[in-house]
């Protein structure tokens, strides 16, 4: 797997701000999503809920 498409997704936490800063590494299709920053709801194991993750550098 190529390291070129590897991105860092950082959690924004829930409504109270719990679980903020948790990091997930994922791959991104850069041909289709070139100028778009991803925002995905993923499971946060720290607070055991689904939270919003945003792409960071």
PDB file of N, CA and C in Angstrom:
ATOM      1  N   UNK A   1       0.838  -1.186   0.000  1.00  0.00           N
ATOM      2  CA  UNK A   1       0.000   0.000   0.000  1.00  0.00           C
ATOM      3  C   UNK A   1       0.882   1.248   0.000  1.00  0.00           C
ATOM      4  N   UNK A   2       0.478   2.202  -0.777  1.00  0.00           N
ATOM      5  CA  UNK A   2       1.248   3.418  -0.944  1.00  0.00           C
ATOM      6  C   UNK A   2       1.067   4.366   0.241  1.00  0.00           C
ATOM      7  N   UNK A   3       2.164   4.978   0.636  1.00  0.00           N
ATOM      8  CA  UNK A   3       2.120   5.962   1.708  1.00  0.00           C
ATOM      9  C   UNK A   3       1.695   7.337   1.189  1.00  0.00           C
ATOM     10  N   UNK A   4       1.626   7.497  -0.143  1.00  0.00           N
ATOM     11  CA  UNK A   4       1.246   8.776  -0.727  1.00  0.00           C
ATOM     12  C   UNK A   4      -0.188   9.155  -0.383  1.00  0.00           C
ATOM     13  N   UNK A   5      -1.056   8.176  -0.307  1.00  0.00           N
ATOM     14  CA  UNK A   5      -2.478   8.432  -0.094  1.00  0.00           C
ATOM     15  C   UNK A   5      -2.874   8.385   1.376  1.00  0.00           C
ATOM     16  N   UNK A   6      -1.910   8.282   2.280  1.00  0.00           N
ATOM     17  CA  UNK A   6      -2.209   8.172   3.701  1.00  0.00           C
ATOM     18  C   UNK A   6      -2.579   9.545   4.263  1.00  0.00           C
ATOM     19  N   UNK A   7      -3.703   9.596   4.986  1.00  0.00           N
ATOM     20  CA  UNK A   7      -4.152  10.854   5.590  1.00  0.00           C
ATOM     21  C   UNK A   7      -4.396  10.640   7.074  1.00  0.00           C
ATOM     22  N   UNK A   8      -4.390  11.736   7.816  1.00  0.00           N
ATOM     23  CA  UNK A   8      -4.603  11.711   9.258  1.00  0.00           C
ATOM     24  C   UNK A   8      -5.988  12.293   9.545  1.00  0.00           C
ATOM     25  N   UNK A   9      -6.833  11.525  10.229  1.00  0.00           N
ATOM     26  CA  UNK A   9      -8.159  11.979  10.617  1.00  0.00           C
ATOM     27  C   UNK A   9      -8.171  12.215  12.117  1.00  0.00           C
ATOM     28  N   UNK A  10      -8.560  13.417  12.551  1.00  0.00           N
ATOM     29  CA  UNK A  10      -8.551  13.794  13.959  1.00  0.00           C
ATOM     30  C   UNK A  10      -9.979  14.023  14.424  1.00  0.00           C
ATOM     31  N   UNK A  11     -10.316  13.451  15.582  1.00  0.00           N
ATOM     32  CA  UNK A  11     -11.664  13.547  16.133  1.00  0.00           C
ATOM     33  C   UNK A  11     -11.942  14.935  16.685  1.00  0.00           C
ATOM     34  N   UNK A  12     -13.171  15.402  16.482  1.00  0.00           N
ATOM     35  CA  UNK A  12     -13.606  16.680  17.051  1.00  0.00           C
ATOM     36  C   UNK A  12     -14.295  16.475  18.388  1.00  0.00           C
ATOM     37  N   UNK A  13     -14.569  15.226  18.764  1.00  0.00           N
ATOM     38  CA  UNK A  13     -15.234  14.930  20.033  1.00  0.00           C
ATOM     39  C   UNK A  13     -16.741  15.018  19.909  1.00  0.00           C
ATOM     40  N   UNK A  14     -17.419  14.761  21.020  1.00  0.00           N
ATOM     41  CA  UNK A  14     -18.881  14.831  21.024  1.00  0.00           C
ATOM     42  C   UNK A  14     -19.330  16.232  21.435  1.00  0.00           C
ATOM     43  N   UNK A  15     -20.599  16.381  21.816  1.00  0.00           N
ATOM     44  CA  UNK A  15     -21.158  17.695  22.159  1.00  0.00           C
ATOM     45  C   UNK A  15     -20.441  18.324  23.354  1.00  0.00           C
ATOM     46  N   UNK A  16     -19.976  17.500  24.297  1.00  0.00           N
ATOM     47  CA  UNK A  16     -19.299  17.993  25.496  1.00  0.00           C
ATOM     48  C   UNK A  16     -17.802  18.173  25.286  1.00  0.00           C
ATOM     49  N   UNK A  17     -17.294  17.745  24.121  1.00  0.00           N
ATOM     50  CA  UNK A  17     -15.871  17.864  23.839  1.00  0.00           C
ATOM     51  C   UNK A  17     -15.059  16.658  24.280  1.00  0.00           C
ATOM     52  N   UNK A  18     -15.720  15.597  24.725  1.00  0.00           N
ATOM     53  CA  UNK A  18     -15.018  14.398  25.163  1.00  0.00           C
ATOM     54  C   UNK A  18     -14.519  13.615  23.953  1.00  0.00           C
ATOM     55  N   UNK A  19     -13.358  13.007  24.064  1.00  0.00           N
ATOM     56  CA  UNK A  19     -12.794  12.212  22.982  1.00  0.00           C
ATOM     57  C   UNK A  19     -12.131  13.029  21.899  1.00  0.00           C
ATOM     58  N   UNK A  20     -11.921  14.312  22.139  1.00  0.00           N
ATOM     59  CA  UNK A  20     -11.330  15.197  21.136  1.00  0.00           C
ATOM     60  C   UNK A  20      -9.847  14.886  20.985  1.00  0.00           C
ATOM     61  N   UNK A  21      -9.374  14.846  19.728  1.00  0.00           N
ATOM     62  CA  UNK A  21      -7.965  14.650  19.468  1.00  0.00           C
ATOM     63  C   UNK A  21      -7.555  13.224  19.143  1.00  0.00           C
ATOM     64  N   UNK A  22      -8.484  12.272  19.186  1.00  0.00           N
ATOM     65  CA  UNK A  22      -8.157  10.888  18.836  1.00  0.00           C
ATOM     66  C   UNK A  22      -7.829  10.822  17.353  1.00  0.00           C
ATOM     67  N   UNK A  23      -6.793  10.052  16.977  1.00  0.00           N
ATOM     68  CA  UNK A  23      -6.294  10.031  15.598  1.00  0.00           C
ATOM     69  C   UNK A  23      -6.525   8.671  14.962  1.00  0.00           C
ATOM     70  N   UNK A  24      -6.983   8.699  13.707  1.00  0.00           N
ATOM     71  CA  UNK A  24      -7.114   7.508  12.869  1.00  0.00           C
ATOM     72  C   UNK A  24      -6.377   7.797  11.570  1.00  0.00           C
ATOM     73  N   UNK A  25      -5.593   6.817  11.087  1.00  0.00           N
ATOM     74  CA  UNK A  25      -4.910   6.939   9.802  1.00  0.00           C
ATOM     75  C   UNK A  25      -5.694   6.155   8.775  1.00  0.00           C
ATOM     76  N   UNK A  26      -5.887   6.726   7.577  1.00  0.00           N
ATOM     77  CA  UNK A  26      -6.678   6.086   6.527  1.00  0.00           C
ATOM     78  C   UNK A  26      -6.077   6.432   5.166  1.00  0.00           C
ATOM     79  N   UNK A  27      -6.541   5.745   4.146  1.00  0.00           N
ATOM     80  CA  UNK A  27      -6.115   6.006   2.775  1.00  0.00           C
ATOM     81  C   UNK A  27      -7.202   6.788   2.046  1.00  0.00           C
ATOM     82  N   UNK A  28      -6.777   7.642   1.128  1.00  0.00           N
ATOM     83  CA  UNK A  28      -7.700   8.493   0.382  1.00  0.00           C
ATOM     84  C   UNK A  28      -7.412   8.352  -1.105  1.00  0.00           C
ATOM     85  N   UNK A  29      -8.466   8.265  -1.906  1.00  0.00           N
ATOM     86  CA  UNK A  29      -8.320   8.238  -3.358  1.00  0.00           C
ATOM     87  C   UNK A  29      -8.068   9.668  -3.824  1.00  0.00           C
ATOM     88  N   UNK A  30      -6.805   9.992  -4.066  1.00  0.00           N
ATOM     89  CA  UNK A  30      -6.445  11.366  -4.406  1.00  0.00           C
ATOM     90  C   UNK A  30      -6.833  11.756  -5.819  1.00  0.00           C
ATOM     91  N   UNK A  31      -7.080  10.797  -6.704  1.00  0.00           N
ATOM     92  CA  UNK A  31      -7.500  11.140  -8.063  1.00  0.00           C
ATOM     93  C   UNK A  31      -8.912  11.709  -8.076  1.00  0.00           C
ATOM     94  N   UNK A  32      -9.793  11.142  -7.260  1.00  0.00           N
ATOM     95  CA  UNK A  32     -11.187  11.606  -7.236  1.00  0.00           C
ATOM     96  C   UNK A  32     -11.414  12.724  -6.219  1.00  0.00           C
ATOM     97  N   UNK A  33     -10.666  12.731  -5.132  1.00  0.00           N
ATOM     98  CA  UNK A  33     -10.899  13.675  -4.040  1.00  0.00           C
ATOM     99  C   UNK A  33      -9.710  14.618  -3.857  1.00  0.00           C
ATOM    100  N   UNK A  34      -9.214  15.169  -4.940  1.00  0.00           N
ATOM    101  CA  UNK A  34      -7.975  15.953  -4.897  1.00  0.00           C
ATOM    102  C   UNK A  34      -8.067  17.183  -3.994  1.00  0.00           C
ATOM    103  N   UNK A  35      -9.016  18.069  -4.171  1.00  0.00           N
ATOM    104  CA  UNK A  35      -9.066  19.321  -3.416  1.00  0.00           C
ATOM    105  C   UNK A  35     -10.042  19.303  -2.258  1.00  0.00           C
ATOM    106  N   UNK A  36     -10.506  18.128  -1.868  1.00  0.00           N
ATOM    107  CA  UNK A  36     -11.552  18.033  -0.850  1.00  0.00           C
ATOM    108  C   UNK A  36     -10.966  17.510   0.456  1.00  0.00           C
ATOM    109  N   UNK A  37     -11.275  18.207   1.579  1.00  0.00           N
ATOM    110  CA  UNK A  37     -10.905  17.724   2.904  1.00  0.00           C
ATOM    111  C   UNK A  37     -12.030  16.812   3.389  1.00  0.00           C
ATOM    112  N   UNK A  38     -11.670  15.620   3.855  1.00  0.00           N
ATOM    113  CA  UNK A  38     -12.676  14.657   4.285  1.00  0.00           C
ATOM    114  C   UNK A  38     -13.208  14.969   5.674  1.00  0.00           C
ATOM    115  N   UNK A  39     -14.504  14.739   5.864  1.00  0.00           N
ATOM    116  CA  UNK A  39     -15.162  14.765   7.168  1.00  0.00           C
ATOM    117  C   UNK A  39     -16.008  13.509   7.243  1.00  0.00           C
ATOM    118  N   UNK A  40     -15.643  12.605   8.144  1.00  0.00           N
ATOM    119  CA  UNK A  40     -16.297  11.298   8.227  1.00  0.00           C
ATOM    120  C   UNK A  40     -16.684  11.015   9.659  1.00  0.00           C
ATOM    121  N   UNK A  41     -17.872  10.403   9.843  1.00  0.00           N
ATOM    122  CA  UNK A  41     -18.253   9.931  11.166  1.00  0.00           C
ATOM    123  C   UNK A  41     -17.693   8.532  11.351  1.00  0.00           C
ATOM    124  N   UNK A  42     -16.858   8.352  12.387  1.00  0.00           N
ATOM    125  CA  UNK A  42     -16.236   7.068  12.690  1.00  0.00           C
ATOM    126  C   UNK A  42     -16.430   6.784  14.182  1.00  0.00           C
ATOM    127  N   UNK A  43     -16.198   5.527  14.565  1.00  0.00           N
ATOM    128  CA  UNK A  43     -16.321   5.123  15.959  1.00  0.00           C
ATOM    129  C   UNK A  43     -15.097   5.592  16.741  1.00  0.00           C
ATOM    130  N   UNK A  44     -15.333   6.259  17.866  1.00  0.00           N
ATOM    131  CA  UNK A  44     -14.276   6.723  18.752  1.00  0.00           C
ATOM    132  C   UNK A  44     -14.209   5.778  19.951  1.00  0.00           C
ATOM    133  N   UNK A  45     -13.155   4.962  20.073  1.00  0.00           N
ATOM    134  CA  UNK A  45     -13.091   3.977  21.157  1.00  0.00           C
ATOM    135  C   UNK A  45     -12.880   4.581  22.537  1.00  0.00           C
ATOM    136  N   UNK A  46     -12.469   5.826  22.633  1.00  0.00           N
ATOM    137  CA  UNK A  46     -12.246   6.465  23.934  1.00  0.00           C
ATOM    138  C   UNK A  46     -13.573   6.713  24.646  1.00  0.00           C
ATOM    139  N   UNK A  47     -14.567   7.229  23.903  1.00  0.00           N
ATOM    140  CA  UNK A  47     -15.869   7.514  24.514  1.00  0.00           C
ATOM    141  C   UNK A  47     -16.946   6.526  24.098  1.00  0.00           C
ATOM    142  N   UNK A  48     -16.563   5.572  23.221  1.00  0.00           N
ATOM    143  CA  UNK A  48     -17.463   4.515  22.754  1.00  0.00           C
ATOM    144  C   UNK A  48     -18.707   5.065  22.063  1.00  0.00           C
ATOM    145  N   UNK A  49     -18.488   6.065  21.184  1.00  0.00           N
ATOM    146  CA  UNK A  49     -19.551   6.671  20.380  1.00  0.00           C
ATOM    147  C   UNK A  49     -18.999   6.995  19.006  1.00  0.00           C
ATOM    148  N   UNK A  50     -19.896   7.238  18.049  1.00  0.00           N
ATOM    149  CA  UNK A  50     -19.486   7.724  16.735  1.00  0.00           C
ATOM    150  C   UNK A  50     -19.313   9.234  16.817  1.00  0.00           C
ATOM    151  N   UNK A  51     -18.176   9.731  16.342  1.00  0.00           N
ATOM    152  CA  UNK A  51     -17.904  11.167  16.339  1.00  0.00           C
ATOM    153  C   UNK A  51     -17.397  11.584  14.964  1.00  0.00           C
ATOM    154  N   UNK A  52     -17.365  12.874  14.735  1.00  0.00           N
ATOM    155  CA  UNK A  52     -16.910  13.418  13.464  1.00  0.00           C
ATOM    156  C   UNK A  52     -15.386  13.513  13.454  1.00  0.00           C
ATOM    157  N   UNK A  53     -14.778  13.030  12.378  1.00  0.00           N
ATOM    158  CA  UNK A  53     -13.340  13.111  12.173  1.00  0.00           C
ATOM    159  C   UNK A  53     -13.077  13.980  10.971  1.00  0.00           C
ATOM    160  N   UNK A  54     -12.079  14.890  11.077  1.00  0.00           N
ATOM    161  CA  UNK A  54     -11.690  15.764   9.976  1.00  0.00           C
ATOM    162  C   UNK A  54     -10.257  15.485   9.568  1.00  0.00           C
ATOM    163  N   UNK A  55     -10.008  15.682   8.284  1.00  0.00           N
ATOM    164  CA  UNK A  55      -8.663  15.475   7.756  1.00  0.00           C
ATOM    165  C   UNK A  55      -7.744  16.616   8.177  1.00  0.00           C
ATOM    166  N   UNK A  56      -6.556  16.272   8.676  1.00  0.00           N
ATOM    167  CA  UNK A  56      -5.541  17.253   9.059  1.00  0.00           C
ATOM    168  C   UNK A  56      -4.258  16.943   8.317  1.00  0.00           C
ATOM    169  N   UNK A  57      -3.318  17.871   8.302  1.00  0.00           N
ATOM    170  CA  UNK A  57      -2.021  17.646   7.655  1.00  0.00           C
ATOM    171  C   UNK A  57      -1.159  16.759   8.513  1.00  0.00           C
TER     172      UNK A  57
END
